[in-house]
């Protein structure tokens, strides 16, 4: 699954994405499709891949040949309620 997601990101069919919730100690890494669905990368068959810093997340994508990612930060309120608000921040990072 990871190779498929990485290859789709390289081809431009998906956007490499790093998600962090404010006050969280880790970053989820994966990709987003055109409809906004997020697909996690997996460390093992039943364990989502996450990193402990933004630098680690960026390095993971760069090591896999991806040069651009979206970094999304949400507040805990966004996560609990599930509303799209101005509190969600998205930025494009060039690696």
PDB file of N, CA and C in Angstrom:
ATOM      1  N   UNK A   1       0.818  -1.196   0.000  1.00  0.00           N
ATOM      2  CA  UNK A   1       0.000   0.000   0.000  1.00  0.00           C
ATOM      3  C   UNK A   1       0.862   1.261   0.000  1.00  0.00           C
ATOM      4  N   UNK A   2       1.931   1.277   0.810  1.00  0.00           N
ATOM      5  CA  UNK A   2       2.789   2.459   0.870  1.00  0.00           C
ATOM      6  C   UNK A   2       3.394   2.792  -0.490  1.00  0.00           C
ATOM      7  N   UNK A   3       3.908   1.768  -1.188  1.00  0.00           N
ATOM      8  CA  UNK A   3       4.511   2.012  -2.502  1.00  0.00           C
ATOM      9  C   UNK A   3       3.498   2.587  -3.471  1.00  0.00           C
ATOM     10  N   UNK A   4       2.273   2.093  -3.422  1.00  0.00           N
ATOM     11  CA  UNK A   4       1.224   2.585  -4.311  1.00  0.00           C
ATOM     12  C   UNK A   4       0.938   4.060  -4.035  1.00  0.00           C
ATOM     13  N   UNK A   5       0.822   4.419  -2.755  1.00  0.00           N
ATOM     14  CA  UNK A   5       0.551   5.812  -2.394  1.00  0.00           C
ATOM     15  C   UNK A   5       1.714   6.715  -2.793  1.00  0.00           C
ATOM     16  N   UNK A   6       2.939   6.285  -2.521  1.00  0.00           N
ATOM     17  CA  UNK A   6       4.119   7.079  -2.896  1.00  0.00           C
ATOM     18  C   UNK A   6       4.166   7.282  -4.404  1.00  0.00           C
ATOM     19  N   UNK A   7       3.924   6.228  -5.170  1.00  0.00           N
ATOM     20  CA  UNK A   7       3.950   6.330  -6.634  1.00  0.00           C
ATOM     21  C   UNK A   7       2.846   7.243  -7.159  1.00  0.00           C
ATOM     22  N   UNK A   8       1.663   7.201  -6.550  1.00  0.00           N
ATOM     23  CA  UNK A   8       0.587   8.103  -6.955  1.00  0.00           C
ATOM     24  C   UNK A   8       0.947   9.559  -6.656  1.00  0.00           C
ATOM     25  N   UNK A   9       1.654   9.790  -5.558  1.00  0.00           N
ATOM     26  CA  UNK A   9       2.120  11.147  -5.238  1.00  0.00           C
ATOM     27  C   UNK A   9       3.143  11.620  -6.262  1.00  0.00           C
ATOM     28  N   UNK A  10       4.069  10.747  -6.617  1.00  0.00           N
ATOM     29  CA  UNK A  10       5.088  11.106  -7.608  1.00  0.00           C
ATOM     30  C   UNK A  10       4.456  11.425  -8.954  1.00  0.00           C
ATOM     31  N   UNK A  11       3.389  10.703  -9.310  1.00  0.00           N
ATOM     32  CA  UNK A  11       2.711  10.901 -10.594  1.00  0.00           C
ATOM     33  C   UNK A  11       1.762  12.101 -10.572  1.00  0.00           C
ATOM     34  N   UNK A  12       1.532  12.670  -9.397  1.00  0.00           N
ATOM     35  CA  UNK A  12       0.642  13.817  -9.285  1.00  0.00           C
ATOM     36  C   UNK A  12      -0.824  13.446  -9.135  1.00  0.00           C
ATOM     37  N   UNK A  13      -1.132  12.160  -8.976  1.00  0.00           N
ATOM     38  CA  UNK A  13      -2.520  11.717  -8.809  1.00  0.00           C
ATOM     39  C   UNK A  13      -3.002  11.915  -7.376  1.00  0.00           C
ATOM     40  N   UNK A  14      -2.085  11.995  -6.434  1.00  0.00           N
ATOM     41  CA  UNK A  14      -2.402  12.277  -5.032  1.00  0.00           C
ATOM     42  C   UNK A  14      -1.405  13.310  -4.521  1.00  0.00           C
ATOM     43  N   UNK A  15      -1.768  13.986  -3.434  1.00  0.00           N
ATOM     44  CA  UNK A  15      -0.895  14.997  -2.840  1.00  0.00           C
ATOM     45  C   UNK A  15      -0.327  14.470  -1.530  1.00  0.00           C
ATOM     46  N   UNK A  16       1.000  14.388  -1.437  1.00  0.00           N
ATOM     47  CA  UNK A  16       1.647  13.990  -0.182  1.00  0.00           C
ATOM     48  C   UNK A  16       1.215  14.968   0.904  1.00  0.00           C
ATOM     49  N   UNK A  17       0.846  14.427   2.079  1.00  0.00           N
ATOM     50  CA  UNK A  17       0.257  15.251   3.126  1.00  0.00           C
ATOM     51  C   UNK A  17       0.784  14.856   4.496  1.00  0.00           C
ATOM     52  N   UNK A  18       1.038  15.872   5.313  1.00  0.00           N
ATOM     53  CA  UNK A  18       1.429  15.697   6.710  1.00  0.00           C
ATOM     54  C   UNK A  18       0.358  16.372   7.544  1.00  0.00           C
ATOM     55  N   UNK A  19      -0.214  15.637   8.505  1.00  0.00           N
ATOM     56  CA  UNK A  19      -1.274  16.199   9.348  1.00  0.00           C
ATOM     57  C   UNK A  19      -0.817  16.216  10.798  1.00  0.00           C
ATOM     58  N   UNK A  20      -1.032  17.357  11.432  1.00  0.00           N
ATOM     59  CA  UNK A  20      -0.722  17.505  12.850  1.00  0.00           C
ATOM     60  C   UNK A  20      -1.902  18.178  13.531  1.00  0.00           C
ATOM     61  N   UNK A  21      -2.236  17.674  14.693  1.00  0.00           N
ATOM     62  CA  UNK A  21      -3.253  18.323  15.514  1.00  0.00           C
ATOM     63  C   UNK A  21      -2.522  19.136  16.574  1.00  0.00           C
ATOM     64  N   UNK A  22      -2.911  20.387  16.737  1.00  0.00           N
ATOM     65  CA  UNK A  22      -2.264  21.252  17.726  1.00  0.00           C
ATOM     66  C   UNK A  22      -2.187  20.536  19.064  1.00  0.00           C
ATOM     67  N   UNK A  23      -1.079  20.704  19.725  1.00  0.00           N
ATOM     68  CA  UNK A  23      -0.798  20.100  21.033  1.00  0.00           C
ATOM     69  C   UNK A  23      -0.581  18.593  20.961  1.00  0.00           C
ATOM     70  N   UNK A  24      -0.439  18.046  19.775  1.00  0.00           N
ATOM     71  CA  UNK A  24      -0.162  16.623  19.615  1.00  0.00           C
ATOM     72  C   UNK A  24       1.344  16.424  19.526  1.00  0.00           C
ATOM     73  N   UNK A  25       1.797  15.220  19.866  1.00  0.00           N
ATOM     74  CA  UNK A  25       3.238  14.961  19.844  1.00  0.00           C
ATOM     75  C   UNK A  25       3.672  14.174  18.610  1.00  0.00           C
ATOM     76  N   UNK A  26       2.782  14.019  17.634  1.00  0.00           N
ATOM     77  CA  UNK A  26       3.166  13.281  16.436  1.00  0.00           C
ATOM     78  C   UNK A  26       2.477  13.842  15.193  1.00  0.00           C
ATOM     79  N   UNK A  27       2.987  13.435  14.037  1.00  0.00           N
ATOM     80  CA  UNK A  27       2.491  13.868  12.741  1.00  0.00           C
ATOM     81  C   UNK A  27       2.094  12.637  11.938  1.00  0.00           C
ATOM     82  N   UNK A  28       0.871  12.613  11.396  1.00  0.00           N
ATOM     83  CA  UNK A  28       0.460  11.546  10.493  1.00  0.00           C
ATOM     84  C   UNK A  28       0.982  11.853   9.106  1.00  0.00           C
ATOM     85  N   UNK A  29       1.448  10.839   8.419  1.00  0.00           N
ATOM     86  CA  UNK A  29       1.952  11.030   7.057  1.00  0.00           C
ATOM     87  C   UNK A  29       1.171  10.144   6.103  1.00  0.00           C
ATOM     88  N   UNK A  30       0.888  10.693   4.941  1.00  0.00           N
ATOM     89  CA  UNK A  30       0.127   9.954   3.949  1.00  0.00           C
ATOM     90  C   UNK A  30      -0.104  10.819   2.730  1.00  0.00           C
ATOM     91  N   UNK A  31      -1.271  10.662   2.128  1.00  0.00           N
ATOM     92  CA  UNK A  31      -1.595  11.407   0.918  1.00  0.00           C
ATOM     93  C   UNK A  31      -3.084  11.695   0.880  1.00  0.00           C
ATOM     94  N   UNK A  32      -3.418  12.708   0.098  1.00  0.00           N
ATOM     95  CA  UNK A  32      -4.803  13.125  -0.044  1.00  0.00           C
ATOM     96  C   UNK A  32      -5.192  13.053  -1.516  1.00  0.00           C
ATOM     97  N   UNK A  33      -6.402  12.545  -1.785  1.00  0.00           N
ATOM     98  CA  UNK A  33      -6.867  12.498  -3.166  1.00  0.00           C
ATOM     99  C   UNK A  33      -7.582  13.797  -3.523  1.00  0.00           C
ATOM    100  N   UNK A  34      -8.100  13.890  -4.744  1.00  0.00           N
ATOM    101  CA  UNK A  34      -8.767  15.108  -5.217  1.00  0.00           C
ATOM    102  C   UNK A  34     -10.037  15.434  -4.450  1.00  0.00           C
ATOM    103  N   UNK A  35     -10.612  14.453  -3.775  1.00  0.00           N
ATOM    104  CA  UNK A  35     -11.844  14.673  -3.023  1.00  0.00           C
ATOM    105  C   UNK A  35     -11.586  15.001  -1.555  1.00  0.00           C
ATOM    106  N   UNK A  36     -10.312  15.104  -1.166  1.00  0.00           N
ATOM    107  CA  UNK A  36      -9.962  15.446   0.203  1.00  0.00           C
ATOM    108  C   UNK A  36      -9.878  14.264   1.149  1.00  0.00           C
ATOM    109  N   UNK A  37      -9.932  13.042   0.619  1.00  0.00           N
ATOM    110  CA  UNK A  37      -9.793  11.845   1.455  1.00  0.00           C
ATOM    111  C   UNK A  37      -8.326  11.616   1.783  1.00  0.00           C
ATOM    112  N   UNK A  38      -8.025  11.338   3.057  1.00  0.00           N
ATOM    113  CA  UNK A  38      -6.656  11.113   3.503  1.00  0.00           C
ATOM    114  C   UNK A  38      -6.383   9.621   3.600  1.00  0.00           C
ATOM    115  N   UNK A  39      -5.231   9.197   3.070  1.00  0.00           N
ATOM    116  CA  UNK A  39      -4.805   7.806   3.113  1.00  0.00           C
ATOM    117  C   UNK A  39      -3.476   7.739   3.853  1.00  0.00           C
ATOM    118  N   UNK A  40      -3.478   7.098   5.021  1.00  0.00           N
ATOM    119  CA  UNK A  40      -2.264   6.980   5.839  1.00  0.00           C
ATOM    120  C   UNK A  40      -1.260   6.042   5.189  1.00  0.00           C
ATOM    121  N   UNK A  41       0.004   6.345   5.431  1.00  0.00           N
ATOM    122  CA  UNK A  41       1.050   5.358   5.172  1.00  0.00           C
ATOM    123  C   UNK A  41       1.087   4.455   6.403  1.00  0.00           C
ATOM    124  N   UNK A  42       1.533   3.232   6.246  1.00  0.00           N
ATOM    125  CA  UNK A  42       1.533   2.280   7.346  1.00  0.00           C
ATOM    126  C   UNK A  42       2.944   1.812   7.666  1.00  0.00           C
ATOM    127  N   UNK A  43       3.245   1.725   8.959  1.00  0.00           N
ATOM    128  CA  UNK A  43       4.524   1.200   9.435  1.00  0.00           C
ATOM    129  C   UNK A  43       4.516  -0.320   9.345  1.00  0.00           C
ATOM    130  N   UNK A  44       3.380  -0.914   9.662  1.00  0.00           N
ATOM    131  CA  UNK A  44       3.160  -2.357   9.511  1.00  0.00           C
ATOM    132  C   UNK A  44       1.714  -2.532   9.056  1.00  0.00           C
ATOM    133  N   UNK A  45       1.273  -3.753   8.891  1.00  0.00           N
ATOM    134  CA  UNK A  45      -0.065  -3.985   8.343  1.00  0.00           C
ATOM    135  C   UNK A  45      -1.182  -3.401   9.199  1.00  0.00           C
ATOM    136  N   UNK A  46      -0.950  -3.196  10.483  1.00  0.00           N
ATOM    137  CA  UNK A  46      -2.014  -2.680  11.340  1.00  0.00           C
ATOM    138  C   UNK A  46      -1.611  -1.441  12.133  1.00  0.00           C
ATOM    139  N   UNK A  47      -0.529  -0.785  11.747  1.00  0.00           N
ATOM    140  CA  UNK A  47      -0.028   0.358  12.498  1.00  0.00           C
ATOM    141  C   UNK A  47       0.241   1.543  11.573  1.00  0.00           C
ATOM    142  N   UNK A  48      -0.494   2.648  11.801  1.00  0.00           N
ATOM    143  CA  UNK A  48      -0.294   3.860  11.010  1.00  0.00           C
ATOM    144  C   UNK A  48       1.119   4.386  11.207  1.00  0.00           C
ATOM    145  N   UNK A  49       1.688   4.918  10.150  1.00  0.00           N
ATOM    146  CA  UNK A  49       3.017   5.517  10.228  1.00  0.00           C
ATOM    147  C   UNK A  49       2.865   6.964  10.676  1.00  0.00           C
ATOM    148  N   UNK A  50       3.628   7.338  11.686  1.00  0.00           N
ATOM    149  CA  UNK A  50       3.660   8.723  12.114  1.00  0.00           C
ATOM    150  C   UNK A  50       5.076   9.062  12.555  1.00  0.00           C
ATOM    151  N   UNK A  51       5.365  10.359  12.589  1.00  0.00           N
ATOM    152  CA  UNK A  51       6.686  10.827  12.997  1.00  0.00           C
ATOM    153  C   UNK A  51       6.530  11.731  14.210  1.00  0.00           C
ATOM    154  N   UNK A  52       7.650  12.011  14.861  1.00  0.00           N
ATOM    155  CA  UNK A  52       7.624  12.835  16.070  1.00  0.00           C
ATOM    156  C   UNK A  52       7.978  14.290  15.813  1.00  0.00           C
ATOM    157  N   UNK A  53       8.279  14.623  14.554  1.00  0.00           N
ATOM    158  CA  UNK A  53       8.560  16.018  14.228  1.00  0.00           C
ATOM    159  C   UNK A  53       8.227  16.275  12.766  1.00  0.00           C
ATOM    160  N   UNK A  54       8.028  17.527  12.452  1.00  0.00           N
ATOM    161  CA  UNK A  54       7.780  17.915  11.068  1.00  0.00           C
ATOM    162  C   UNK A  54       9.007  17.616  10.218  1.00  0.00           C
ATOM    163  N   UNK A  55      10.197  17.809  10.775  1.00  0.00           N
ATOM    164  CA  UNK A  55      11.433  17.517  10.042  1.00  0.00           C
ATOM    165  C   UNK A  55      11.519  16.047   9.645  1.00  0.00           C
ATOM    166  N   UNK A  56      11.156  15.144  10.560  1.00  0.00           N
ATOM    167  CA  UNK A  56      11.148  13.711  10.244  1.00  0.00           C
ATOM    168  C   UNK A  56      10.151  13.399   9.138  1.00  0.00           C
ATOM    169  N   UNK A  57       8.975  13.999   9.197  1.00  0.00           N
ATOM    170  CA  UNK A  57       7.938  13.758   8.189  1.00  0.00           C
ATOM    171  C   UNK A  57       8.410  14.229   6.820  1.00  0.00           C
ATOM    172  N   UNK A  58       9.006  15.414   6.768  1.00  0.00           N
ATOM    173  CA  UNK A  58       9.504  15.935   5.492  1.00  0.00           C
ATOM    174  C   UNK A  58      10.622  15.050   4.953  1.00  0.00           C
ATOM    175  N   UNK A  59      11.525  14.603   5.814  1.00  0.00           N
ATOM    176  CA  UNK A  59      12.632  13.740   5.398  1.00  0.00           C
ATOM    177  C   UNK A  59      12.119  12.420   4.834  1.00  0.00           C
ATOM    178  N   UNK A  60      11.072  11.876   5.439  1.00  0.00           N
ATOM    179  CA  UNK A  60      10.494  10.621   4.957  1.00  0.00           C
ATOM    180  C   UNK A  60      10.027  10.756   3.516  1.00  0.00           C
ATOM    181  N   UNK A  61       9.330  11.841   3.210  1.00  0.00           N
ATOM    182  CA  UNK A  61       8.870  12.057   1.838  1.00  0.00           C
ATOM    183  C   UNK A  61      10.038  12.336   0.893  1.00  0.00           C
ATOM    184  N   UNK A  62      10.983  13.154   1.329  1.00  0.00           N
ATOM    185  CA  UNK A  62      12.128  13.484   0.483  1.00  0.00           C
ATOM    186  C   UNK A  62      12.937  12.234   0.134  1.00  0.00           C
ATOM    187  N   UNK A  63      13.121  11.328   1.102  1.00  0.00           N
ATOM    188  CA  UNK A  63      13.841  10.069   0.868  1.00  0.00           C
ATOM    189  C   UNK A  63      13.132   9.189  -0.154  1.00  0.00           C
ATOM    190  N   UNK A  64      11.827   9.398  -0.315  1.00  0.00           N
ATOM    191  CA  UNK A  64      11.040   8.624  -1.262  1.00  0.00           C
ATOM    192  C   UNK A  64      10.807   9.365  -2.580  1.00  0.00           C
ATOM    193  N   UNK A  65      11.578  10.430  -2.810  1.00  0.00           N
ATOM    194  CA  UNK A  65      11.535  11.128  -4.089  1.00  0.00           C
ATOM    195  C   UNK A  65      10.405  12.124  -4.260  1.00  0.00           C
ATOM    196  N   UNK A  66       9.808  12.549  -3.169  1.00  0.00           N
ATOM    197  CA  UNK A  66       8.724  13.530  -3.240  1.00  0.00           C
ATOM    198  C   UNK A  66       9.277  14.882  -2.807  1.00  0.00           C
ATOM    199  N   UNK A  67       9.030  15.914  -3.623  1.00  0.00           N
ATOM    200  CA  UNK A  67       9.644  17.213  -3.359  1.00  0.00           C
ATOM    201  C   UNK A  67       8.660  18.273  -2.878  1.00  0.00           C
ATOM    202  N   UNK A  68       7.377  17.932  -2.786  1.00  0.00           N
ATOM    203  CA  UNK A  68       6.377  18.899  -2.356  1.00  0.00           C
ATOM    204  C   UNK A  68       5.313  18.190  -1.525  1.00  0.00           C
ATOM    205  N   UNK A  69       4.977  18.767  -0.374  1.00  0.00           N
ATOM    206  CA  UNK A  69       3.945  18.189   0.497  1.00  0.00           C
ATOM    207  C   UNK A  69       3.023  19.294   0.999  1.00  0.00           C
ATOM    208  N   UNK A  70       1.845  18.879   1.424  1.00  0.00           N
ATOM    209  CA  UNK A  70       0.930  19.785   2.113  1.00  0.00           C
ATOM    210  C   UNK A  70       1.049  19.499   3.598  1.00  0.00           C
ATOM    211  N   UNK A  71       1.226  20.536   4.390  1.00  0.00           N
ATOM    212  CA  UNK A  71       1.259  20.406   5.852  1.00  0.00           C
ATOM    213  C   UNK A  71      -0.052  20.997   6.364  1.00  0.00           C
ATOM    214  N   UNK A  72      -0.821  20.177   7.063  1.00  0.00           N
ATOM    215  CA  UNK A  72      -2.104  20.620   7.602  1.00  0.00           C
ATOM    216  C   UNK A  72      -2.082  20.535   9.117  1.00  0.00           C
ATOM    217  N   UNK A  73      -2.457  21.632   9.758  1.00  0.00           N
ATOM    218  CA  UNK A  73      -2.531  21.650  11.216  1.00  0.00           C
ATOM    219  C   UNK A  73      -3.958  21.969  11.621  1.00  0.00           C
ATOM    220  N   UNK A  74      -4.492  21.132  12.506  1.00  0.00           N
ATOM    221  CA  UNK A  74      -5.856  21.307  13.000  1.00  0.00           C
ATOM    222  C   UNK A  74      -5.824  21.535  14.507  1.00  0.00           C
ATOM    223  N   UNK A  75      -6.859  22.168  14.997  1.00  0.00           N
ATOM    224  CA  UNK A  75      -6.987  22.328  16.443  1.00  0.00           C
ATOM    225  C   UNK A  75      -7.710  21.103  16.998  1.00  0.00           C
ATOM    226  N   UNK A  76      -7.585  20.813  18.286  1.00  0.00           N
ATOM    227  CA  UNK A  76      -8.335  19.698  18.870  1.00  0.00           C
ATOM    228  C   UNK A  76      -9.846  19.848  18.670  1.00  0.00           C
ATOM    229  N   UNK A  77     -10.341  21.079  18.663  1.00  0.00           N
ATOM    230  CA  UNK A  77     -11.765  21.310  18.447  1.00  0.00           C
ATOM    231  C   UNK A  77     -12.183  20.793  17.068  1.00  0.00           C
ATOM    232  N   UNK A  78     -11.385  21.080  16.038  1.00  0.00           N
ATOM    233  CA  UNK A  78     -11.686  20.600  14.690  1.00  0.00           C
ATOM    234  C   UNK A  78     -11.769  19.084  14.663  1.00  0.00           C
ATOM    235  N   UNK A  79     -10.849  18.435  15.372  1.00  0.00           N
ATOM    236  CA  UNK A  79     -10.819  16.976  15.406  1.00  0.00           C
ATOM    237  C   UNK A  79     -12.056  16.411  16.102  1.00  0.00           C
ATOM    238  N   UNK A  80     -12.484  17.019  17.195  1.00  0.00           N
ATOM    239  CA  UNK A  80     -13.625  16.503  17.960  1.00  0.00           C
ATOM    240  C   UNK A  80     -14.946  16.728  17.230  1.00  0.00           C
ATOM    241  N   UNK A  81     -15.122  17.906  16.675  1.00  0.00           N
ATOM    242  CA  UNK A  81     -16.389  18.290  16.078  1.00  0.00           C
ATOM    243  C   UNK A  81     -16.441  17.932  14.601  1.00  0.00           C
ATOM    244  N   UNK A  82     -15.296  17.975  13.934  1.00  0.00           N
ATOM    245  CA  UNK A  82     -15.244  17.624  12.517  1.00  0.00           C
ATOM    246  C   UNK A  82     -15.674  18.735  11.586  1.00  0.00           C
ATOM    247  N   UNK A  83     -15.681  19.958  12.062  1.00  0.00           N
ATOM    248  CA  UNK A  83     -16.059  21.086  11.222  1.00  0.00           C
ATOM    249  C   UNK A  83     -14.847  21.655  10.499  1.00  0.00           C
ATOM    250  N   UNK A  84     -15.064  22.127   9.299  1.00  0.00           N
ATOM    251  CA  UNK A  84     -14.012  22.835   8.573  1.00  0.00           C
ATOM    252  C   UNK A  84     -14.100  24.296   8.998  1.00  0.00           C
ATOM    253  N   UNK A  85     -13.077  24.782   9.680  1.00  0.00           N
ATOM    254  CA  UNK A  85     -13.089  26.159  10.161  1.00  0.00           C
ATOM    255  C   UNK A  85     -11.820  26.869   9.716  1.00  0.00           C
ATOM    256  N   UNK A  86     -11.794  28.147   9.976  1.00  0.00           N
ATOM    257  CA  UNK A  86     -10.606  28.939   9.666  1.00  0.00           C
ATOM    258  C   UNK A  86      -9.422  28.530  10.538  1.00  0.00           C
ATOM    259  N   UNK A  87      -9.664  27.745  11.588  1.00  0.00           N
ATOM    260  CA  UNK A  87      -8.589  27.315  12.476  1.00  0.00           C
ATOM    261  C   UNK A  87      -7.693  26.253  11.821  1.00  0.00           C
ATOM    262  N   UNK A  88      -8.178  25.622  10.750  1.00  0.00           N
ATOM    263  CA  UNK A  88      -7.365  24.640  10.034  1.00  0.00           C
ATOM    264  C   UNK A  88      -6.419  25.389   9.109  1.00  0.00           C
ATOM    265  N   UNK A  89      -5.132  25.105   9.244  1.00  0.00           N
ATOM    266  CA  UNK A  89      -4.122  25.770   8.441  1.00  0.00           C
ATOM    267  C   UNK A  89      -3.483  24.765   7.498  1.00  0.00           C
ATOM    268  N   UNK A  90      -3.380  25.132   6.231  1.00  0.00           N
ATOM    269  CA  UNK A  90      -2.728  24.291   5.220  1.00  0.00           C
ATOM    270  C   UNK A  90      -1.659  25.133   4.533  1.00  0.00           C
ATOM    271  N   UNK A  91      -0.480  24.533   4.380  1.00  0.00           N
ATOM    272  CA  UNK A  91       0.585  25.213   3.665  1.00  0.00           C
ATOM    273  C   UNK A  91       1.322  24.222   2.786  1.00  0.00           C
ATOM    274  N   UNK A  92       1.786  24.683   1.656  1.00  0.00           N
ATOM    275  CA  UNK A  92       2.570  23.865   0.732  1.00  0.00           C
ATOM    276  C   UNK A  92       4.041  24.016   1.103  1.00  0.00           C
ATOM    277  N   UNK A  93       4.714  22.888   1.310  1.00  0.00           N
ATOM    278  CA  UNK A  93       6.134  22.897   1.644  1.00  0.00           C
ATOM    279  C   UNK A  93       6.933  22.307   0.490  1.00  0.00           C
ATOM    280  N   UNK A  94       7.968  23.003   0.093  1.00  0.00           N
ATOM    281  CA  UNK A  94       8.888  22.500  -0.923  1.00  0.00           C
ATOM    282  C   UNK A  94      10.071  21.877  -0.178  1.00  0.00           C
ATOM    283  N   UNK A  95      10.354  20.615  -0.482  1.00  0.00           N
ATOM    284  CA  UNK A  95      11.402  19.888   0.251  1.00  0.00           C
ATOM    285  C   UNK A  95      12.747  20.031  -0.432  1.00  0.00           C
TER     286      UNK A  95
END
